[in-house]
């Protein structure tokens, strides 16, 4: 049985994947860990600056290891940093393949400009609100209440949490993307107001074994189109070469 690990983004938790649950195949085991940057547990993480190391601990706790790791939004950044470190140190990736969903990525430090900071910061409550709306499904939440819930999520994340995200984003040009040779599927949202779709395209082009898949919709394709999303991951999983397994103890 192959194993998939689903990594939620900043301010979310494992429930962000709940809509995909009934679409996974029976021959796949899916793990949805709550990460240190989840919305209700960020206090112990917000002062840390090495999210890649925390993610390494999370992945090491998966029994037997992961065949494919799916990382949404912010989580794609520490995952790429972890793989970049391993490649630079001459270590195996330890993962069969990765799916990077609506990621943030810029190629050069000069690609960051002062005028981008305010729009990026102001879009965060809107993004949280959209996630709440999509997760609520058929239940209609009053727009004012939804905005208040989104604001509360932003307060939980706080300035330190948001700066951890922005630090990781600013660091993306320094990652050795060229050394990450595992198969990588990059999914971008054509109408994503938060993570520009051109950044998904650029990341797919820079990864040695990267491929892009641009889908209609916004920042949460797993909520907007769960069946399409799981089908895309299944198809990718079936093409990923078998991952070397640890030798059995004698």
Protein backbone atom coordinates (compact mmCIF):
# COMPACT_ATOMS: atom_id res chain seq x y z
CA UNK A 1 0.00 0.00 0.00
CA UNK A 2 1.34 3.40 -0.99
CA UNK A 3 1.27 6.29 1.45
CA UNK A 4 0.33 9.91 0.89
CA UNK A 5 0.94 12.70 3.40
CA UNK A 6 -1.21 15.84 3.08
CA UNK A 7 0.30 19.01 4.55
CA UNK A 8 -2.07 21.90 5.24
CA UNK A 9 -1.12 25.55 4.92
CA UNK A 10 -0.66 28.35 7.44
CA UNK A 11 -3.61 28.87 9.77
CA UNK A 12 -5.44 25.71 8.63
CA UNK A 13 -5.39 22.16 10.02
CA UNK A 14 -5.84 18.60 8.82
CA UNK A 15 -9.57 19.11 8.33
CA UNK A 16 -8.84 21.18 5.22
CA UNK A 17 -8.58 17.83 3.41
CA UNK A 18 -11.87 16.41 4.72
CA UNK A 19 -13.69 16.90 1.41
CA UNK A 20 -11.24 14.58 -0.35
CA UNK A 21 -11.66 11.73 2.14
CA UNK A 22 -14.26 9.70 0.28
CA UNK A 23 -12.42 9.96 -3.04
CA UNK A 24 -9.16 8.24 -2.10
CA UNK A 25 -8.59 4.73 -3.41
CA UNK A 26 -8.60 1.79 -1.05
CA UNK A 27 -5.01 0.91 -1.95
CA UNK A 28 -3.76 4.27 -0.65
CA UNK A 29 -3.15 5.20 2.96
CA UNK A 30 -3.58 8.93 3.61
CA UNK A 31 -2.07 10.84 6.53
CA UNK A 32 -3.31 14.35 7.44
CA UNK A 33 -1.14 15.57 10.32
CA UNK A 34 -1.86 18.82 12.12
CA UNK A 35 1.30 20.88 11.66
CA UNK A 36 2.98 23.36 14.03
CA UNK A 37 1.54 26.24 11.99
CA UNK A 38 -2.09 25.13 12.38
CA UNK A 39 -4.56 27.86 13.27
CA UNK A 40 -5.16 26.87 16.90
CA UNK A 41 -1.66 25.78 17.85
CA UNK A 42 0.68 28.37 16.45
CA UNK A 43 1.97 29.72 19.79
CA UNK A 44 4.70 27.10 20.09
CA UNK A 45 5.93 27.66 16.53
CA UNK A 46 5.68 31.38 15.85
CA UNK A 47 9.13 32.22 17.29
CA UNK A 48 10.90 29.42 15.41
CA UNK A 49 12.75 30.08 12.19
CA UNK A 50 13.39 26.52 10.98
CA UNK A 51 10.08 25.20 9.73
CA UNK A 52 11.89 22.71 7.49
CA UNK A 53 13.32 20.96 10.56
CA UNK A 54 9.87 20.76 12.15
CA UNK A 55 8.48 19.32 8.94
CA UNK A 56 11.27 16.76 8.84
CA UNK A 57 10.16 15.55 12.27
CA UNK A 58 6.56 15.29 11.08
CA UNK A 59 7.50 13.22 8.03
CA UNK A 60 9.81 10.99 10.08
CA UNK A 61 6.82 10.06 12.24
CA UNK A 62 4.96 8.51 9.28
CA UNK A 63 5.33 4.72 9.67
CA UNK A 64 7.21 3.39 6.66
CA UNK A 65 7.66 6.83 5.15
CA UNK A 66 5.77 8.74 2.47
CA UNK A 67 5.57 7.83 -1.20
CA UNK A 68 4.08 11.21 -2.12
CA UNK A 69 3.87 14.36 -0.02
CA UNK A 70 1.19 16.90 -0.95
CA UNK A 71 1.92 20.39 0.38
CA UNK A 72 -0.55 23.25 0.19
CA UNK A 73 0.36 26.94 0.10
CA UNK A 74 2.90 27.85 2.83
CA UNK A 75 3.81 24.21 3.51
CA UNK A 76 5.35 23.90 0.05
CA UNK A 77 8.13 26.28 1.17
CA UNK A 78 9.51 24.27 4.13
CA UNK A 79 9.08 21.08 2.08
CA UNK A 80 11.21 22.52 -0.73
CA UNK A 81 13.75 23.77 1.80
CA UNK A 82 13.98 20.31 3.37
CA UNK A 83 14.52 18.66 -0.01
CA UNK A 84 17.05 21.33 -0.98
CA UNK A 85 19.04 20.69 2.20
CA UNK A 86 19.05 16.95 1.68
CA UNK A 87 20.21 17.34 -1.91
CA UNK A 88 23.01 19.71 -0.95
CA UNK A 89 24.15 17.29 1.77
CA UNK A 90 24.15 14.39 -0.67
CA UNK A 91 21.28 12.67 1.15
CA UNK A 92 18.42 10.87 -0.57
CA UNK A 93 15.16 12.76 -0.73
CA UNK A 94 13.39 10.06 1.23
CA UNK A 95 10.19 10.83 -0.70
CA UNK A 96 8.99 9.33 -3.95
CA UNK A 97 7.39 12.52 -5.26
CA UNK A 98 5.78 15.79 -4.24
CA UNK A 99 2.62 17.66 -5.19
CA UNK A 100 2.88 21.40 -4.56
CA UNK A 101 -0.53 23.05 -4.42
CA UNK A 102 -0.87 26.82 -5.06
CA UNK A 103 2.71 27.45 -3.90
CA UNK A 104 4.61 30.68 -3.37
CA UNK A 105 7.91 30.98 -5.23
CA UNK A 106 10.15 33.64 -6.76
CA UNK A 107 13.34 32.99 -8.66
CA UNK A 108 15.46 36.04 -7.76
CA UNK A 109 15.68 38.25 -4.64
CA UNK A 110 15.12 41.21 -6.95
CA UNK A 111 11.68 39.79 -7.75
CA UNK A 112 10.46 41.00 -4.35
CA UNK A 113 9.36 44.63 -4.25
CA UNK A 114 8.25 46.93 -1.45
CA UNK A 115 4.86 47.53 -3.02
CA UNK A 116 3.98 43.82 -2.89
CA UNK A 117 3.98 43.62 0.92
CA UNK A 118 0.78 45.53 1.69
CA UNK A 119 -1.41 43.69 -0.88
CA UNK A 120 -0.07 40.32 0.24
CA UNK A 121 -0.79 41.12 3.88
CA UNK A 122 -4.25 42.53 3.18
CA UNK A 123 -5.22 39.44 1.15
CA UNK A 124 -4.62 37.10 4.09
CA UNK A 125 -8.04 37.61 5.78
CA UNK A 126 -9.74 37.19 2.42
CA UNK A 127 -7.93 33.91 1.87
CA UNK A 128 -8.87 32.65 5.34
CA UNK A 129 -12.47 33.65 4.69
CA UNK A 130 -12.56 31.79 1.39
CA UNK A 131 -11.26 28.66 3.09
CA UNK A 132 -13.98 28.93 5.73
CA UNK A 133 -16.66 29.39 3.06
CA UNK A 134 -15.54 26.36 1.09
CA UNK A 135 -15.19 24.15 4.15
CA UNK A 136 -18.70 25.03 5.29
CA UNK A 137 -20.09 23.27 2.18
CA UNK A 138 -23.83 23.60 1.87
CA UNK A 139 -24.09 25.39 5.21
CA UNK A 140 -24.42 29.09 4.56
CA UNK A 141 -22.48 31.29 6.94
CA UNK A 142 -23.47 34.93 7.22
CA UNK A 143 -20.79 37.01 5.43
CA UNK A 144 -20.22 39.18 8.49
CA UNK A 145 -19.78 36.13 10.71
CA UNK A 146 -17.42 34.58 8.17
CA UNK A 147 -15.35 37.77 8.07
CA UNK A 148 -15.21 37.75 11.87
CA UNK A 149 -14.07 34.10 11.87
CA UNK A 150 -11.39 34.92 9.30
CA UNK A 151 -10.24 37.86 11.39
CA UNK A 152 -10.00 35.59 14.44
CA UNK A 153 -7.85 33.15 12.46
CA UNK A 154 -5.56 36.00 11.45
CA UNK A 155 -5.26 37.03 15.09
CA UNK A 156 -4.28 33.46 16.02
CA UNK A 157 -1.60 33.48 13.33
CA UNK A 158 -0.53 36.95 14.41
CA UNK A 159 2.36 39.05 13.12
CA UNK A 160 4.97 36.48 14.13
CA UNK A 161 3.23 33.67 12.28
CA UNK A 162 2.75 35.79 9.17
CA UNK A 163 6.40 36.85 9.28
CA UNK A 164 7.46 33.18 9.45
CA UNK A 165 5.57 32.74 6.18
CA UNK A 166 7.07 35.85 4.62
CA UNK A 167 10.60 34.86 5.73
CA UNK A 168 10.16 31.51 3.99
CA UNK A 169 8.80 33.22 0.88
CA UNK A 170 11.74 35.65 0.78
CA UNK A 171 14.08 32.68 1.12
CA UNK A 172 12.66 30.84 -1.89
CA UNK A 173 15.25 32.29 -4.36
CA UNK A 174 18.03 30.85 -2.18
CA UNK A 175 16.76 27.27 -2.33
CA UNK A 176 18.65 24.88 -4.60
CA UNK A 177 15.58 24.04 -6.61
CA UNK A 178 17.87 22.78 -9.37
CA UNK A 179 19.05 19.94 -7.11
CA UNK A 180 15.56 18.64 -6.23
CA UNK A 181 15.19 15.78 -8.68
CA UNK A 182 12.15 13.95 -7.29
CA UNK A 183 9.06 14.01 -9.55
CA UNK A 184 7.03 17.11 -8.75
CA UNK A 185 3.52 18.08 -9.77
CA UNK A 186 2.80 21.78 -9.29
CA UNK A 187 -0.88 22.72 -9.18
CA UNK A 188 -1.77 26.37 -9.65
CA UNK A 189 -5.13 28.09 -9.49
CA UNK A 190 -5.81 30.30 -12.51
CA UNK A 191 -7.93 32.65 -10.38
CA UNK A 192 -5.86 32.41 -7.19
CA UNK A 193 -5.87 35.89 -5.55
CA UNK A 194 -3.16 34.94 -3.03
CA UNK A 195 -0.46 32.80 -4.67
CA UNK A 196 0.03 34.09 -8.23
CA UNK A 197 -0.48 31.34 -10.79
CA UNK A 198 2.65 32.47 -12.66
CA UNK A 199 4.70 31.46 -9.61
CA UNK A 200 3.35 27.91 -9.87
CA UNK A 201 4.35 27.86 -13.54
CA UNK A 202 7.81 29.20 -12.74
CA UNK A 203 8.39 26.66 -9.98
CA UNK A 204 7.33 23.79 -12.24
CA UNK A 205 9.76 25.03 -14.89
CA UNK A 206 12.66 25.33 -12.42
CA UNK A 207 12.24 21.91 -10.81
CA UNK A 208 14.27 19.35 -12.82
CA UNK A 209 11.39 16.84 -12.79
CA UNK A 210 8.59 19.38 -12.43
CA UNK A 211 5.34 19.55 -14.34
CA UNK A 212 2.57 22.12 -14.08
CA UNK A 213 -1.16 21.63 -13.93
CA UNK A 214 -3.15 24.85 -13.91
CA UNK A 215 -6.77 24.47 -12.89
CA UNK A 216 -9.69 26.88 -12.94
CA UNK A 217 -10.36 28.24 -9.48
CA UNK A 218 -8.58 29.79 -6.55
CA UNK A 219 -6.29 28.95 -3.65
CA UNK A 220 -8.05 25.78 -2.43
CA UNK A 221 -8.48 23.30 -5.32
CA UNK A 222 -8.88 20.41 -2.87
CA UNK A 223 -11.99 22.14 -1.50
CA UNK A 224 -13.32 23.48 -4.79
CA UNK A 225 -12.85 20.28 -6.82
CA UNK A 226 -12.08 17.39 -4.42
CA UNK A 227 -12.74 14.56 -6.88
CA UNK A 228 -10.60 16.17 -9.57
CA UNK A 229 -7.91 16.79 -6.97
CA UNK A 230 -7.70 13.21 -5.74
CA UNK A 231 -7.76 11.92 -9.32
CA UNK A 232 -4.81 14.17 -10.16
CA UNK A 233 -2.85 12.94 -7.14
CA UNK A 234 -3.69 9.29 -7.91
CA UNK A 235 -2.54 9.67 -11.50
CA UNK A 236 0.71 11.27 -10.34
CA UNK A 237 1.22 8.63 -7.64
CA UNK A 238 0.91 5.85 -10.22
CA UNK A 239 3.71 7.42 -12.26
CA UNK A 240 6.11 7.96 -9.35
CA UNK A 241 8.91 5.35 -9.23
CA UNK A 242 8.85 3.03 -6.23
CA UNK A 243 10.64 4.54 -3.25
CA UNK A 244 13.51 2.50 -1.74
CA UNK A 245 12.30 0.91 1.49
CA UNK A 246 14.43 0.66 4.62
CA UNK A 247 16.12 -2.70 4.96
CA UNK A 248 14.37 -5.04 7.36
CA UNK A 249 16.12 -5.56 10.69
CA UNK A 250 17.88 -8.92 11.04
